[in-house]
N, C-alpha and C. Protein backbone atom coordinates (compact mmCIF):
# COMPACT_ATOMS: atom_id res chain seq x y z
N MET A 1 -25.18 -38.02 -71.87
CA MET A 1 -23.98 -37.22 -71.73
C MET A 1 -22.98 -37.93 -70.81
N LEU A 2 -23.47 -38.46 -69.70
CA LEU A 2 -22.61 -39.15 -68.74
C LEU A 2 -21.99 -40.40 -69.38
N ILE A 3 -22.79 -41.11 -70.17
CA ILE A 3 -22.30 -42.32 -70.82
C ILE A 3 -21.21 -41.97 -71.83
N ARG A 4 -21.40 -40.90 -72.57
CA ARG A 4 -20.40 -40.47 -73.55
C ARG A 4 -19.10 -40.09 -72.85
N THR A 5 -19.19 -39.39 -71.73
CA THR A 5 -18.00 -39.00 -70.98
C THR A 5 -17.26 -40.22 -70.45
N LEU A 6 -18.02 -41.18 -69.90
CA LEU A 6 -17.41 -42.40 -69.39
C LEU A 6 -16.76 -43.21 -70.50
N SER A 7 -17.42 -43.31 -71.64
CA SER A 7 -16.83 -44.08 -72.74
C SER A 7 -15.56 -43.39 -73.26
N THR A 8 -15.58 -42.08 -73.33
CA THR A 8 -14.38 -41.34 -73.74
C THR A 8 -13.25 -41.57 -72.76
N LEU A 9 -13.57 -41.54 -71.46
CA LEU A 9 -12.56 -41.76 -70.43
C LEU A 9 -12.00 -43.18 -70.52
N LEU A 10 -12.87 -44.18 -70.71
CA LEU A 10 -12.41 -45.56 -70.84
C LEU A 10 -11.52 -45.74 -72.07
N LEU A 11 -11.87 -45.13 -73.18
CA LEU A 11 -11.04 -45.22 -74.38
C LEU A 11 -9.67 -44.58 -74.15
N ALA A 12 -9.66 -43.44 -73.47
CA ALA A 12 -8.39 -42.76 -73.19
C ALA A 12 -7.51 -43.62 -72.30
N VAL A 13 -8.11 -44.24 -71.29
CA VAL A 13 -7.35 -45.11 -70.39
C VAL A 13 -6.85 -46.33 -71.16
N PHE A 14 -7.73 -46.93 -71.98
CA PHE A 14 -7.34 -48.11 -72.73
C PHE A 14 -6.19 -47.80 -73.69
N PHE A 15 -6.33 -46.76 -74.48
CA PHE A 15 -5.29 -46.43 -75.45
C PHE A 15 -4.03 -45.93 -74.77
N GLY A 16 -4.18 -45.27 -73.64
CA GLY A 16 -3.01 -44.84 -72.88
C GLY A 16 -2.21 -46.03 -72.38
N GLN A 17 -2.91 -47.06 -71.88
CA GLN A 17 -2.23 -48.27 -71.42
C GLN A 17 -1.66 -49.05 -72.58
N ALA A 18 -2.36 -49.05 -73.72
CA ALA A 18 -1.85 -49.75 -74.89
C ALA A 18 -0.56 -49.09 -75.36
N ALA A 19 -0.52 -47.77 -75.34
CA ALA A 19 0.69 -47.07 -75.75
C ALA A 19 1.80 -47.34 -74.74
N PHE A 20 1.44 -47.40 -73.45
CA PHE A 20 2.44 -47.69 -72.42
C PHE A 20 2.98 -49.10 -72.59
N ALA A 21 2.08 -50.05 -72.90
CA ALA A 21 2.51 -51.44 -73.07
C ALA A 21 3.39 -51.60 -74.31
N ALA A 22 3.21 -50.74 -75.30
CA ALA A 22 3.97 -50.84 -76.54
C ALA A 22 5.25 -50.01 -76.47
N SER A 23 5.64 -49.60 -75.28
CA SER A 23 6.86 -48.80 -75.18
C SER A 23 8.07 -49.72 -75.08
N VAL A 24 9.24 -49.14 -75.36
CA VAL A 24 10.49 -49.89 -75.33
C VAL A 24 11.53 -49.03 -74.61
N GLU A 25 12.36 -49.68 -73.81
CA GLU A 25 13.44 -48.96 -73.13
C GLU A 25 14.69 -49.03 -73.99
N LEU A 26 15.26 -47.87 -74.27
CA LEU A 26 16.46 -47.79 -75.09
C LEU A 26 17.58 -47.12 -74.32
N PRO A 27 18.82 -47.55 -74.55
CA PRO A 27 19.95 -46.85 -73.91
C PRO A 27 20.16 -45.49 -74.57
N VAL A 28 20.36 -44.48 -73.72
CA VAL A 28 20.60 -43.12 -74.21
C VAL A 28 21.78 -42.53 -73.42
N PRO A 29 22.47 -41.54 -73.97
CA PRO A 29 23.57 -40.92 -73.23
C PRO A 29 23.05 -40.19 -71.99
N ARG A 30 23.80 -40.30 -70.91
CA ARG A 30 23.51 -39.57 -69.67
C ARG A 30 23.86 -38.09 -69.84
N GLN A 31 24.97 -37.84 -70.55
CA GLN A 31 25.40 -36.48 -70.86
C GLN A 31 25.94 -36.51 -72.29
N THR A 32 26.30 -35.36 -72.83
CA THR A 32 26.81 -35.28 -74.19
C THR A 32 28.07 -36.13 -74.34
N ILE A 33 28.10 -36.95 -75.39
CA ILE A 33 29.27 -37.76 -75.71
C ILE A 33 29.84 -37.21 -77.01
N HIS A 34 31.10 -36.80 -76.97
CA HIS A 34 31.72 -36.15 -78.12
C HIS A 34 32.36 -37.17 -79.06
N PRO A 35 32.51 -36.83 -80.35
CA PRO A 35 33.14 -37.74 -81.30
C PRO A 35 34.52 -38.17 -80.83
N GLY A 36 34.82 -39.45 -81.00
CA GLY A 36 36.12 -39.99 -80.58
C GLY A 36 36.14 -40.51 -79.16
N SER A 37 35.08 -40.25 -78.39
CA SER A 37 35.02 -40.72 -77.00
C SER A 37 34.53 -42.16 -76.96
N GLU A 38 35.17 -42.97 -76.11
CA GLU A 38 34.73 -44.35 -75.92
C GLU A 38 33.54 -44.35 -74.96
N ILE A 39 32.55 -45.18 -75.25
CA ILE A 39 31.32 -45.23 -74.46
C ILE A 39 31.45 -46.30 -73.38
N SER A 40 31.12 -45.93 -72.13
CA SER A 40 31.17 -46.87 -71.02
C SER A 40 29.76 -47.05 -70.44
N HIS A 41 29.60 -48.01 -69.51
CA HIS A 41 28.30 -48.23 -68.86
C HIS A 41 27.82 -46.97 -68.15
N GLN A 42 28.76 -46.22 -67.55
CA GLN A 42 28.38 -45.02 -66.79
C GLN A 42 27.85 -43.91 -67.69
N ASP A 43 28.15 -43.96 -68.98
CA ASP A 43 27.70 -42.93 -69.91
C ASP A 43 26.25 -43.11 -70.34
N LEU A 44 25.66 -44.27 -70.01
CA LEU A 44 24.33 -44.61 -70.53
C LEU A 44 23.30 -44.76 -69.42
N ILE A 45 22.07 -44.39 -69.76
CA ILE A 45 20.90 -44.65 -68.91
C ILE A 45 19.81 -45.22 -69.82
N GLU A 46 18.76 -45.76 -69.23
CA GLU A 46 17.64 -46.29 -69.99
C GLU A 46 16.50 -45.27 -69.98
N ARG A 47 15.82 -45.13 -71.12
CA ARG A 47 14.69 -44.21 -71.22
C ARG A 47 13.62 -44.87 -72.08
N LYS A 48 12.35 -44.67 -71.71
CA LYS A 48 11.25 -45.27 -72.45
C LYS A 48 10.91 -44.43 -73.68
N PHE A 49 10.64 -45.16 -74.77
CA PHE A 49 10.21 -44.56 -76.02
C PHE A 49 9.05 -45.36 -76.57
N PRO A 50 8.26 -44.80 -77.48
CA PRO A 50 7.21 -45.60 -78.12
C PRO A 50 7.84 -46.80 -78.83
N GLY A 51 7.15 -47.92 -78.82
CA GLY A 51 7.68 -49.15 -79.40
C GLY A 51 8.10 -49.01 -80.84
N ARG A 52 7.45 -48.15 -81.58
CA ARG A 52 7.77 -47.99 -82.99
C ARG A 52 9.10 -47.27 -83.22
N THR A 53 9.66 -46.63 -82.19
CA THR A 53 10.92 -45.90 -82.35
C THR A 53 12.03 -46.83 -82.83
N ALA A 54 12.17 -47.98 -82.19
CA ALA A 54 13.23 -48.92 -82.56
C ALA A 54 12.94 -49.57 -83.92
N GLN A 55 11.67 -49.62 -84.33
CA GLN A 55 11.32 -50.22 -85.61
C GLN A 55 11.50 -49.24 -86.76
N GLN A 56 11.19 -47.98 -86.52
CA GLN A 56 11.26 -46.98 -87.59
C GLN A 56 12.67 -46.47 -87.83
N PHE A 57 13.47 -46.41 -86.78
CA PHE A 57 14.80 -45.85 -86.89
C PHE A 57 15.83 -46.91 -86.51
N ALA A 58 16.97 -46.88 -87.15
CA ALA A 58 18.04 -47.84 -86.85
C ALA A 58 18.80 -47.34 -85.63
N VAL A 59 18.29 -47.67 -84.43
CA VAL A 59 18.91 -47.23 -83.19
C VAL A 59 19.36 -48.44 -82.38
N SER A 60 20.35 -48.23 -81.54
CA SER A 60 20.85 -49.30 -80.68
C SER A 60 19.80 -49.61 -79.61
N THR A 61 19.54 -50.89 -79.41
CA THR A 61 18.49 -51.28 -78.47
C THR A 61 19.03 -51.87 -77.17
N HIS A 62 20.33 -52.17 -77.12
CA HIS A 62 20.92 -52.76 -75.92
C HIS A 62 22.25 -52.09 -75.60
N ARG A 63 22.54 -51.98 -74.31
CA ARG A 63 23.82 -51.41 -73.87
C ARG A 63 25.01 -52.16 -74.45
N GLY A 64 24.87 -53.48 -74.58
CA GLY A 64 25.96 -54.31 -75.09
C GLY A 64 26.41 -53.92 -76.49
N GLN A 65 25.51 -53.31 -77.25
CA GLN A 65 25.86 -52.84 -78.59
C GLN A 65 26.71 -51.58 -78.54
N LEU A 66 26.73 -50.89 -77.40
CA LEU A 66 27.36 -49.58 -77.31
C LEU A 66 28.62 -49.52 -76.46
N VAL A 67 28.65 -50.29 -75.37
CA VAL A 67 29.78 -50.22 -74.45
C VAL A 67 31.06 -50.67 -75.16
N GLY A 68 32.09 -49.85 -75.07
CA GLY A 68 33.36 -50.14 -75.72
C GLY A 68 33.47 -49.56 -77.12
N MET A 69 32.37 -49.08 -77.66
CA MET A 69 32.38 -48.46 -78.99
C MET A 69 32.82 -47.00 -78.86
N VAL A 70 33.14 -46.39 -80.00
CA VAL A 70 33.58 -45.00 -80.04
C VAL A 70 32.55 -44.19 -80.81
N ALA A 71 32.19 -43.02 -80.29
CA ALA A 71 31.23 -42.16 -80.97
C ALA A 71 31.83 -41.58 -82.24
N ARG A 72 31.08 -41.65 -83.34
CA ARG A 72 31.51 -41.07 -84.61
C ARG A 72 31.04 -39.63 -84.72
N ARG A 73 29.99 -39.28 -83.98
CA ARG A 73 29.46 -37.93 -83.99
C ARG A 73 28.97 -37.59 -82.59
N THR A 74 28.57 -36.37 -82.36
CA THR A 74 28.09 -35.96 -81.03
C THR A 74 26.78 -36.67 -80.72
N LEU A 75 26.73 -37.31 -79.53
CA LEU A 75 25.53 -38.00 -79.07
C LEU A 75 24.92 -37.16 -77.96
N LEU A 76 23.65 -36.79 -78.13
CA LEU A 76 22.99 -35.89 -77.19
C LEU A 76 22.29 -36.64 -76.07
N PRO A 77 22.28 -36.05 -74.87
CA PRO A 77 21.64 -36.70 -73.72
C PRO A 77 20.16 -36.96 -73.97
N GLY A 78 19.72 -38.15 -73.56
CA GLY A 78 18.30 -38.49 -73.64
C GLY A 78 17.81 -38.88 -75.01
N GLN A 79 18.67 -38.87 -76.02
CA GLN A 79 18.26 -39.19 -77.39
C GLN A 79 18.72 -40.61 -77.76
N PRO A 80 17.89 -41.37 -78.49
CA PRO A 80 18.33 -42.70 -78.93
C PRO A 80 19.61 -42.59 -79.76
N ILE A 81 20.41 -43.62 -79.73
CA ILE A 81 21.71 -43.60 -80.40
C ILE A 81 21.62 -44.38 -81.72
N PRO A 82 21.74 -43.69 -82.86
CA PRO A 82 21.71 -44.38 -84.14
C PRO A 82 22.87 -45.38 -84.26
N VAL A 83 22.60 -46.52 -84.88
CA VAL A 83 23.59 -47.58 -85.03
C VAL A 83 24.83 -47.06 -85.77
N LYS A 84 24.62 -46.24 -86.78
CA LYS A 84 25.73 -45.74 -87.61
C LYS A 84 26.55 -44.64 -86.93
N SER A 85 26.14 -44.20 -85.74
CA SER A 85 26.87 -43.11 -85.08
C SER A 85 27.95 -43.62 -84.12
N VAL A 86 28.15 -44.94 -84.06
CA VAL A 86 29.21 -45.52 -83.24
C VAL A 86 30.01 -46.51 -84.08
N GLU A 87 31.26 -46.73 -83.70
CA GLU A 87 32.11 -47.68 -84.41
C GLU A 87 33.07 -48.33 -83.43
N LYS A 88 33.69 -49.43 -83.88
CA LYS A 88 34.70 -50.08 -83.06
C LYS A 88 35.90 -49.15 -82.93
N PRO A 89 36.61 -49.22 -81.80
CA PRO A 89 37.82 -48.40 -81.67
C PRO A 89 38.85 -48.78 -82.74
N MET A 90 39.50 -47.78 -83.31
CA MET A 90 40.53 -48.01 -84.33
C MET A 90 41.83 -48.45 -83.66
N LEU A 91 42.29 -49.63 -83.98
CA LEU A 91 43.55 -50.14 -83.44
C LEU A 91 44.69 -49.96 -84.43
N VAL A 92 44.32 -49.87 -85.72
CA VAL A 92 45.30 -49.67 -86.78
C VAL A 92 44.87 -48.44 -87.56
N ARG A 93 45.82 -47.52 -87.78
CA ARG A 93 45.50 -46.29 -88.50
C ARG A 93 46.29 -46.20 -89.79
N ARG A 94 45.61 -45.75 -90.84
CA ARG A 94 46.22 -45.61 -92.16
C ARG A 94 47.47 -44.75 -92.09
N GLY A 95 48.54 -45.22 -92.73
CA GLY A 95 49.79 -44.48 -92.80
C GLY A 95 50.71 -44.68 -91.62
N GLU A 96 50.24 -45.34 -90.58
CA GLU A 96 51.05 -45.57 -89.39
C GLU A 96 51.66 -46.97 -89.42
N PRO A 97 52.80 -47.15 -88.73
CA PRO A 97 53.41 -48.48 -88.69
C PRO A 97 52.56 -49.45 -87.87
N ALA A 98 52.65 -50.70 -88.26
CA ALA A 98 51.93 -51.77 -87.56
C ALA A 98 52.77 -53.04 -87.64
N ARG A 99 52.36 -54.05 -86.88
CA ARG A 99 53.07 -55.35 -86.90
C ARG A 99 52.19 -56.38 -87.59
N LEU A 100 52.77 -57.05 -88.57
CA LEU A 100 52.09 -58.12 -89.28
C LEU A 100 52.63 -59.44 -88.75
N VAL A 101 51.73 -60.37 -88.42
CA VAL A 101 52.13 -61.67 -87.86
C VAL A 101 51.63 -62.77 -88.77
N PHE A 102 52.55 -63.65 -89.16
CA PHE A 102 52.21 -64.85 -89.92
C PHE A 102 52.61 -66.04 -89.05
N GLN A 103 51.67 -66.96 -88.85
CA GLN A 103 51.95 -68.12 -88.00
C GLN A 103 51.39 -69.37 -88.65
N GLU A 104 52.28 -70.37 -88.79
CA GLU A 104 51.84 -71.64 -89.36
C GLU A 104 52.76 -72.75 -88.88
N GLN A 105 52.20 -73.81 -88.34
CA GLN A 105 52.92 -75.01 -87.89
C GLN A 105 54.15 -74.68 -87.04
N GLY A 106 53.98 -73.83 -86.07
CA GLY A 106 55.07 -73.49 -85.15
C GLY A 106 56.00 -72.39 -85.64
N LEU A 107 55.91 -72.02 -86.92
CA LEU A 107 56.73 -70.94 -87.47
C LEU A 107 55.98 -69.62 -87.27
N VAL A 108 56.66 -68.64 -86.69
CA VAL A 108 56.06 -67.32 -86.48
C VAL A 108 56.96 -66.28 -87.12
N ILE A 109 56.39 -65.49 -88.04
CA ILE A 109 57.12 -64.40 -88.68
C ILE A 109 56.41 -63.10 -88.34
N VAL A 110 57.18 -62.15 -87.80
CA VAL A 110 56.64 -60.83 -87.45
C VAL A 110 57.42 -59.80 -88.26
N MET A 111 56.69 -58.89 -88.91
CA MET A 111 57.38 -57.87 -89.70
C MET A 111 56.71 -56.52 -89.55
N GLN A 112 57.47 -55.48 -89.80
CA GLN A 112 56.98 -54.11 -89.75
C GLN A 112 56.28 -53.80 -91.07
N VAL A 113 55.07 -53.25 -91.00
CA VAL A 113 54.31 -52.89 -92.19
C VAL A 113 53.73 -51.49 -92.01
N GLU A 114 53.25 -50.95 -93.11
CA GLU A 114 52.54 -49.67 -93.07
C GLU A 114 51.07 -49.96 -93.38
N ALA A 115 50.18 -49.51 -92.51
CA ALA A 115 48.75 -49.74 -92.72
C ALA A 115 48.25 -48.87 -93.87
N LEU A 116 47.48 -49.47 -94.76
CA LEU A 116 46.89 -48.73 -95.87
C LEU A 116 45.43 -48.37 -95.60
N GLN A 117 44.89 -48.89 -94.49
CA GLN A 117 43.51 -48.64 -94.10
C GLN A 117 43.40 -48.56 -92.59
N ASN A 118 42.38 -47.88 -92.10
CA ASN A 118 42.05 -47.91 -90.67
C ASN A 118 41.34 -49.23 -90.38
N GLY A 119 41.47 -49.71 -89.16
CA GLY A 119 40.76 -50.93 -88.81
C GLY A 119 40.65 -51.15 -87.32
N GLY A 120 39.50 -51.69 -86.92
CA GLY A 120 39.27 -52.09 -85.54
C GLY A 120 39.42 -53.59 -85.42
N ALA A 121 39.32 -54.09 -84.21
CA ALA A 121 39.46 -55.52 -83.96
C ALA A 121 38.48 -56.31 -84.82
N GLY A 122 39.00 -57.31 -85.52
CA GLY A 122 38.15 -58.18 -86.33
C GLY A 122 38.02 -57.75 -87.79
N SER A 123 38.40 -56.54 -88.12
CA SER A 123 38.25 -56.09 -89.50
C SER A 123 39.48 -56.45 -90.33
N PHE A 124 39.28 -56.62 -91.62
CA PHE A 124 40.38 -56.88 -92.54
C PHE A 124 40.94 -55.56 -93.04
N VAL A 125 42.26 -55.46 -93.09
CA VAL A 125 42.92 -54.26 -93.61
C VAL A 125 44.03 -54.66 -94.55
N ARG A 126 44.34 -53.76 -95.47
CA ARG A 126 45.47 -53.97 -96.37
C ARG A 126 46.68 -53.26 -95.77
N VAL A 127 47.84 -53.88 -95.88
CA VAL A 127 49.09 -53.30 -95.37
C VAL A 127 50.18 -53.48 -96.42
N ARG A 128 51.21 -52.65 -96.34
CA ARG A 128 52.34 -52.74 -97.26
C ARG A 128 53.59 -53.09 -96.48
N ASN A 129 54.31 -54.11 -96.95
CA ASN A 129 55.58 -54.48 -96.36
C ASN A 129 56.56 -53.33 -96.60
N VAL A 130 57.16 -52.83 -95.53
CA VAL A 130 58.04 -51.67 -95.62
C VAL A 130 59.27 -51.98 -96.49
N ASP A 131 59.79 -53.19 -96.42
CA ASP A 131 61.02 -53.54 -97.15
C ASP A 131 60.76 -53.87 -98.62
N SER A 132 59.75 -54.70 -98.89
CA SER A 132 59.53 -55.17 -100.26
C SER A 132 58.49 -54.37 -101.03
N GLY A 133 57.62 -53.65 -100.32
CA GLY A 133 56.55 -52.90 -100.99
C GLY A 133 55.35 -53.76 -101.33
N GLN A 134 55.38 -55.05 -101.00
CA GLN A 134 54.28 -55.96 -101.31
C GLN A 134 53.07 -55.64 -100.42
N VAL A 135 51.88 -55.68 -101.00
CA VAL A 135 50.64 -55.41 -100.27
C VAL A 135 49.94 -56.73 -99.95
N VAL A 136 49.58 -56.90 -98.69
CA VAL A 136 48.84 -58.09 -98.24
C VAL A 136 47.69 -57.64 -97.35
N SER A 137 46.76 -58.55 -97.11
CA SER A 137 45.62 -58.28 -96.24
C SER A 137 45.68 -59.17 -95.02
N GLY A 138 45.17 -58.67 -93.92
CA GLY A 138 45.12 -59.45 -92.70
C GLY A 138 44.03 -58.95 -91.78
N ARG A 139 43.73 -59.73 -90.76
CA ARG A 139 42.68 -59.39 -89.80
C ARG A 139 43.32 -58.73 -88.58
N VAL A 140 42.76 -57.61 -88.14
CA VAL A 140 43.26 -56.89 -86.97
C VAL A 140 42.88 -57.68 -85.71
N GLN A 141 43.86 -57.91 -84.86
CA GLN A 141 43.66 -58.63 -83.60
C GLN A 141 43.37 -57.62 -82.48
N ASN A 142 42.90 -58.13 -81.34
CA ASN A 142 42.58 -57.27 -80.20
C ASN A 142 43.78 -56.49 -79.67
N ASP A 143 44.98 -57.01 -79.89
CA ASP A 143 46.18 -56.31 -79.40
C ASP A 143 46.75 -55.32 -80.42
N GLY A 144 46.10 -55.18 -81.58
CA GLY A 144 46.53 -54.22 -82.59
C GLY A 144 47.43 -54.81 -83.66
N THR A 145 47.85 -56.06 -83.50
CA THR A 145 48.64 -56.69 -84.56
C THR A 145 47.72 -57.13 -85.68
N ILE A 146 48.31 -57.38 -86.84
CA ILE A 146 47.54 -57.82 -88.00
C ILE A 146 47.99 -59.23 -88.33
N ARG A 147 47.04 -60.14 -88.36
CA ARG A 147 47.37 -61.55 -88.58
C ARG A 147 46.98 -61.97 -89.99
N VAL A 148 47.95 -62.54 -90.70
CA VAL A 148 47.69 -63.05 -92.05
C VAL A 148 47.09 -64.43 -91.90
N GLU A 149 45.98 -64.67 -92.59
CA GLU A 149 45.32 -65.96 -92.52
C GLU A 149 45.43 -66.66 -93.86
N ASN A 150 45.55 -67.98 -93.81
CA ASN A 150 45.64 -68.77 -95.05
C ASN A 150 44.27 -69.19 -95.49
């Protein structure tokens, strides 16, 4: 009886440590983050989860993936943050005016356009020239301008 109790205790300790060793720290919200809110370092804390959590679910595993992003849905405190629940901040909004920049060999042309799509920094969006009605595509820059690339 004593041997059975000791072996059960040893197994519990072994598997408990194995589960502890297989844990992963994930960034989670410190408090509720509402849709449209930008995420900062102060909004996040680290919390331990079983190692399989990051493998089974598409969740953010590093703060760097989240800081500066905008919540697409409500993020609850202490819960892992799904990758699809955050997005880059929108710098260009559909239907709103924007500036299109074309630059080549010292020539710079800037024109007023209407955005046909939403877009964050680095994304390609279609825009319409207000004067001619011509539709072109360009990459959204960090300052919100749209740059036409050759």
